[in-house]
N, C-alpha and C. Protein backbone atom coordinates (compact mmCIF):
# COMPACT_ATOMS: atom_id res chain seq x y z
N UNK A 1 155.49 34.04 99.78
CA UNK A 1 156.47 33.27 100.48
C UNK A 1 156.49 31.85 99.88
N UNK A 2 157.64 31.26 99.89
CA UNK A 2 157.80 29.94 99.28
C UNK A 2 158.19 28.92 100.34
N UNK A 3 157.80 27.67 100.08
CA UNK A 3 158.22 26.58 100.97
C UNK A 3 159.73 26.51 101.00
N UNK A 4 160.27 26.27 102.16
CA UNK A 4 161.71 26.16 102.30
C UNK A 4 162.42 27.49 102.47
N UNK A 5 161.67 28.58 102.46
CA UNK A 5 162.29 29.89 102.62
C UNK A 5 162.73 30.07 104.07
N UNK A 6 163.84 30.72 104.26
CA UNK A 6 164.40 30.92 105.60
C UNK A 6 163.47 31.75 106.46
N UNK A 7 163.45 31.43 107.74
CA UNK A 7 162.58 32.12 108.69
C UNK A 7 162.90 33.61 108.77
N UNK A 8 164.18 34.00 108.65
CA UNK A 8 164.55 35.42 108.68
C UNK A 8 163.93 36.16 107.50
N UNK A 9 163.91 35.53 106.33
CA UNK A 9 163.31 36.14 105.15
C UNK A 9 161.81 36.33 105.34
N UNK A 10 161.16 35.32 105.93
CA UNK A 10 159.73 35.40 106.17
C UNK A 10 159.43 36.50 107.18
N UNK A 11 160.20 36.57 108.25
CA UNK A 11 160.01 37.62 109.26
C UNK A 11 160.17 39.00 108.64
N UNK A 12 161.17 39.17 107.81
CA UNK A 12 161.41 40.46 107.16
C UNK A 12 160.23 40.81 106.24
N UNK A 13 159.75 39.85 105.49
CA UNK A 13 158.62 40.08 104.59
C UNK A 13 157.37 40.44 105.39
N UNK A 14 157.12 39.71 106.49
CA UNK A 14 155.96 39.97 107.33
C UNK A 14 156.02 41.38 107.92
N UNK A 15 157.19 41.78 108.40
CA UNK A 15 157.33 43.14 108.96
C UNK A 15 157.05 44.19 107.89
N UNK A 16 157.55 43.98 106.68
CA UNK A 16 157.33 44.93 105.59
C UNK A 16 155.84 45.04 105.28
N UNK A 17 155.16 43.91 105.15
CA UNK A 17 153.73 43.91 104.86
C UNK A 17 152.94 44.58 105.99
N UNK A 18 153.32 44.30 107.23
CA UNK A 18 152.63 44.88 108.38
C UNK A 18 152.77 46.40 108.39
N UNK A 19 153.95 46.91 108.08
CA UNK A 19 154.16 48.36 108.06
C UNK A 19 153.33 49.02 106.96
N UNK A 20 153.21 48.37 105.82
CA UNK A 20 152.40 48.91 104.73
C UNK A 20 150.93 48.93 105.14
N UNK A 21 150.44 47.80 105.66
CA UNK A 21 149.03 47.70 106.02
C UNK A 21 148.67 48.67 107.14
N UNK A 22 149.60 48.87 108.07
CA UNK A 22 149.36 49.77 109.20
C UNK A 22 149.08 51.19 108.72
N UNK A 23 149.63 51.58 107.60
CA UNK A 23 149.47 52.93 107.08
C UNK A 23 148.21 53.11 106.23
N UNK A 24 147.59 52.01 105.82
CA UNK A 24 146.41 52.10 104.96
C UNK A 24 145.19 52.57 105.75
N UNK A 25 144.48 53.52 105.18
CA UNK A 25 143.25 54.02 105.77
C UNK A 25 142.22 54.17 104.66
N UNK A 26 141.25 53.27 104.63
CA UNK A 26 140.20 53.33 103.61
C UNK A 26 139.00 52.57 104.16
N UNK A 27 137.81 53.02 103.80
CA UNK A 27 136.59 52.40 104.31
C UNK A 27 136.44 50.94 103.87
N UNK A 28 137.11 50.55 102.81
CA UNK A 28 137.01 49.17 102.31
C UNK A 28 138.18 48.29 102.72
N UNK A 29 139.03 48.79 103.60
CA UNK A 29 140.17 48.01 104.08
C UNK A 29 140.04 47.84 105.59
N UNK A 30 140.09 46.60 106.05
CA UNK A 30 139.97 46.33 107.49
C UNK A 30 141.10 47.03 108.25
N UNK A 31 140.74 47.60 109.39
CA UNK A 31 141.74 48.26 110.24
C UNK A 31 142.71 47.22 110.78
N UNK A 32 143.98 47.44 110.59
CA UNK A 32 145.05 46.53 111.01
C UNK A 32 145.50 46.91 112.41
N UNK A 33 145.57 45.92 113.32
CA UNK A 33 146.02 46.18 114.69
C UNK A 33 147.43 45.67 114.95
N UNK A 34 147.82 44.60 114.28
CA UNK A 34 149.15 44.07 114.51
C UNK A 34 149.27 42.61 114.11
N UNK A 35 150.35 41.98 114.59
CA UNK A 35 150.61 40.57 114.32
C UNK A 35 150.80 39.87 115.65
N UNK A 36 150.19 38.71 115.79
CA UNK A 36 150.31 37.93 117.01
C UNK A 36 151.01 36.61 116.70
N UNK A 37 151.78 36.13 117.65
CA UNK A 37 152.45 34.83 117.52
C UNK A 37 151.93 33.86 118.59
N UNK A 38 150.72 34.10 119.07
CA UNK A 38 150.14 33.31 120.15
C UNK A 38 149.46 32.02 119.68
N UNK A 39 149.41 31.80 118.38
CA UNK A 39 148.76 30.61 117.84
C UNK A 39 149.82 29.58 117.45
N UNK A 40 150.42 28.97 118.42
CA UNK A 40 151.43 27.95 118.15
C UNK A 40 152.70 28.51 117.55
N UNK A 41 152.98 29.79 117.79
CA UNK A 41 154.20 30.40 117.28
C UNK A 41 154.11 30.86 115.84
N UNK A 42 153.00 30.58 115.18
CA UNK A 42 152.82 31.01 113.78
C UNK A 42 152.20 32.39 113.77
N UNK A 43 152.60 33.22 112.82
CA UNK A 43 152.05 34.58 112.78
C UNK A 43 150.58 34.60 112.39
N UNK A 44 149.82 35.46 113.06
CA UNK A 44 148.41 35.68 112.74
C UNK A 44 148.19 37.18 112.65
N UNK A 45 147.54 37.62 111.61
CA UNK A 45 147.25 39.04 111.43
C UNK A 45 146.03 39.39 112.28
N UNK A 46 146.14 40.46 113.05
CA UNK A 46 145.05 40.90 113.92
C UNK A 46 144.45 42.16 113.31
N UNK A 47 143.14 42.10 113.04
CA UNK A 47 142.46 43.24 112.43
C UNK A 47 141.09 43.41 113.07
N UNK A 48 140.44 44.50 112.74
CA UNK A 48 139.13 44.80 113.26
C UNK A 48 138.14 43.69 112.90
N UNK A 49 137.27 43.35 113.86
CA UNK A 49 136.25 42.34 113.65
C UNK A 49 135.02 42.99 113.03
N UNK A 50 134.47 42.35 112.01
CA UNK A 50 133.27 42.84 111.36
C UNK A 50 132.15 41.84 111.53
N UNK A 51 131.00 42.28 111.99
CA UNK A 51 129.89 41.39 112.30
C UNK A 51 129.30 40.69 111.07
N UNK A 52 129.53 41.24 109.90
CA UNK A 52 128.97 40.61 108.69
C UNK A 52 129.81 39.44 108.20
N UNK A 53 130.89 39.12 108.89
CA UNK A 53 131.65 37.93 108.55
C UNK A 53 133.00 38.22 107.91
N UNK A 54 133.64 37.14 107.50
CA UNK A 54 134.97 37.21 106.92
C UNK A 54 134.89 37.60 105.44
N UNK A 55 136.02 37.90 104.88
CA UNK A 55 136.09 38.23 103.45
C UNK A 55 135.63 37.04 102.61
N UNK A 56 136.00 35.84 103.01
CA UNK A 56 135.59 34.64 102.28
C UNK A 56 134.08 34.49 102.30
N UNK A 57 133.47 34.71 103.47
CA UNK A 57 132.01 34.62 103.57
C UNK A 57 131.34 35.69 102.70
N UNK A 58 131.91 36.88 102.68
CA UNK A 58 131.38 37.97 101.86
C UNK A 58 131.41 37.58 100.39
N UNK A 59 132.55 37.04 99.95
CA UNK A 59 132.68 36.67 98.54
C UNK A 59 131.71 35.57 98.14
N UNK A 60 131.42 34.65 99.05
CA UNK A 60 130.47 33.58 98.76
C UNK A 60 129.04 34.11 98.71
N UNK A 61 128.74 35.12 99.51
CA UNK A 61 127.39 35.64 99.66
C UNK A 61 127.00 36.65 98.58
N UNK A 62 127.96 37.42 98.09
CA UNK A 62 127.65 38.53 97.18
C UNK A 62 127.57 38.07 95.73
N UNK A 63 126.84 38.83 94.91
CA UNK A 63 126.74 38.49 93.49
C UNK A 63 128.08 38.65 92.77
N UNK A 64 128.23 38.02 91.61
CA UNK A 64 129.51 38.05 90.89
C UNK A 64 130.07 39.46 90.65
N UNK A 65 129.23 40.43 90.33
CA UNK A 65 129.74 41.78 90.07
C UNK A 65 130.44 42.36 91.30
N UNK A 66 129.83 42.19 92.45
CA UNK A 66 130.41 42.71 93.69
C UNK A 66 131.73 41.99 93.98
N UNK A 67 131.77 40.68 93.75
CA UNK A 67 133.01 39.92 93.98
C UNK A 67 134.11 40.42 93.06
N UNK A 68 133.76 40.70 91.80
CA UNK A 68 134.73 41.21 90.83
C UNK A 68 135.32 42.54 91.31
N UNK A 69 134.47 43.43 91.84
CA UNK A 69 134.95 44.72 92.35
C UNK A 69 135.96 44.53 93.48
N UNK A 70 135.70 43.57 94.35
CA UNK A 70 136.60 43.31 95.47
C UNK A 70 137.95 42.81 94.95
N UNK A 71 137.93 41.92 93.96
CA UNK A 71 139.17 41.39 93.39
C UNK A 71 139.97 42.51 92.73
N UNK A 72 139.30 43.41 92.02
CA UNK A 72 139.98 44.53 91.37
C UNK A 72 140.64 45.43 92.42
N UNK A 73 139.92 45.76 93.48
CA UNK A 73 140.49 46.60 94.55
C UNK A 73 141.71 45.92 95.15
N UNK A 74 141.59 44.64 95.45
CA UNK A 74 142.72 43.89 96.02
C UNK A 74 143.92 43.92 95.09
N UNK A 75 143.69 43.68 93.81
CA UNK A 75 144.77 43.67 92.82
C UNK A 75 145.46 45.02 92.74
N UNK A 76 144.68 46.09 92.73
CA UNK A 76 145.27 47.43 92.69
C UNK A 76 146.13 47.70 93.92
N UNK A 77 145.67 47.25 95.08
CA UNK A 77 146.45 47.45 96.30
C UNK A 77 147.76 46.66 96.27
N UNK A 78 147.70 45.44 95.76
CA UNK A 78 148.90 44.61 95.69
C UNK A 78 149.92 45.20 94.71
N UNK A 79 149.42 45.72 93.59
CA UNK A 79 150.32 46.24 92.55
C UNK A 79 150.88 47.63 92.88
N UNK A 80 150.25 48.34 93.78
CA UNK A 80 150.72 49.70 94.06
C UNK A 80 151.88 49.72 95.03
């Protein structure tokens, strides 16, 4: 999404992404529950909570090889 983009375009993009994520089922992908607008009207993605922390914390904690694997998986998902 780009700065200055119309709200209708952003809503349409968010709905498309949500529908794709809702269909994903894989042990390495967080379970998607939905989208909430309860945080000041801005969209927030709601997903399963994991006790080991956020993706950012995981990437900081794990060795470079493991981080590289995560980036590759993410890239493949985005490109597919």
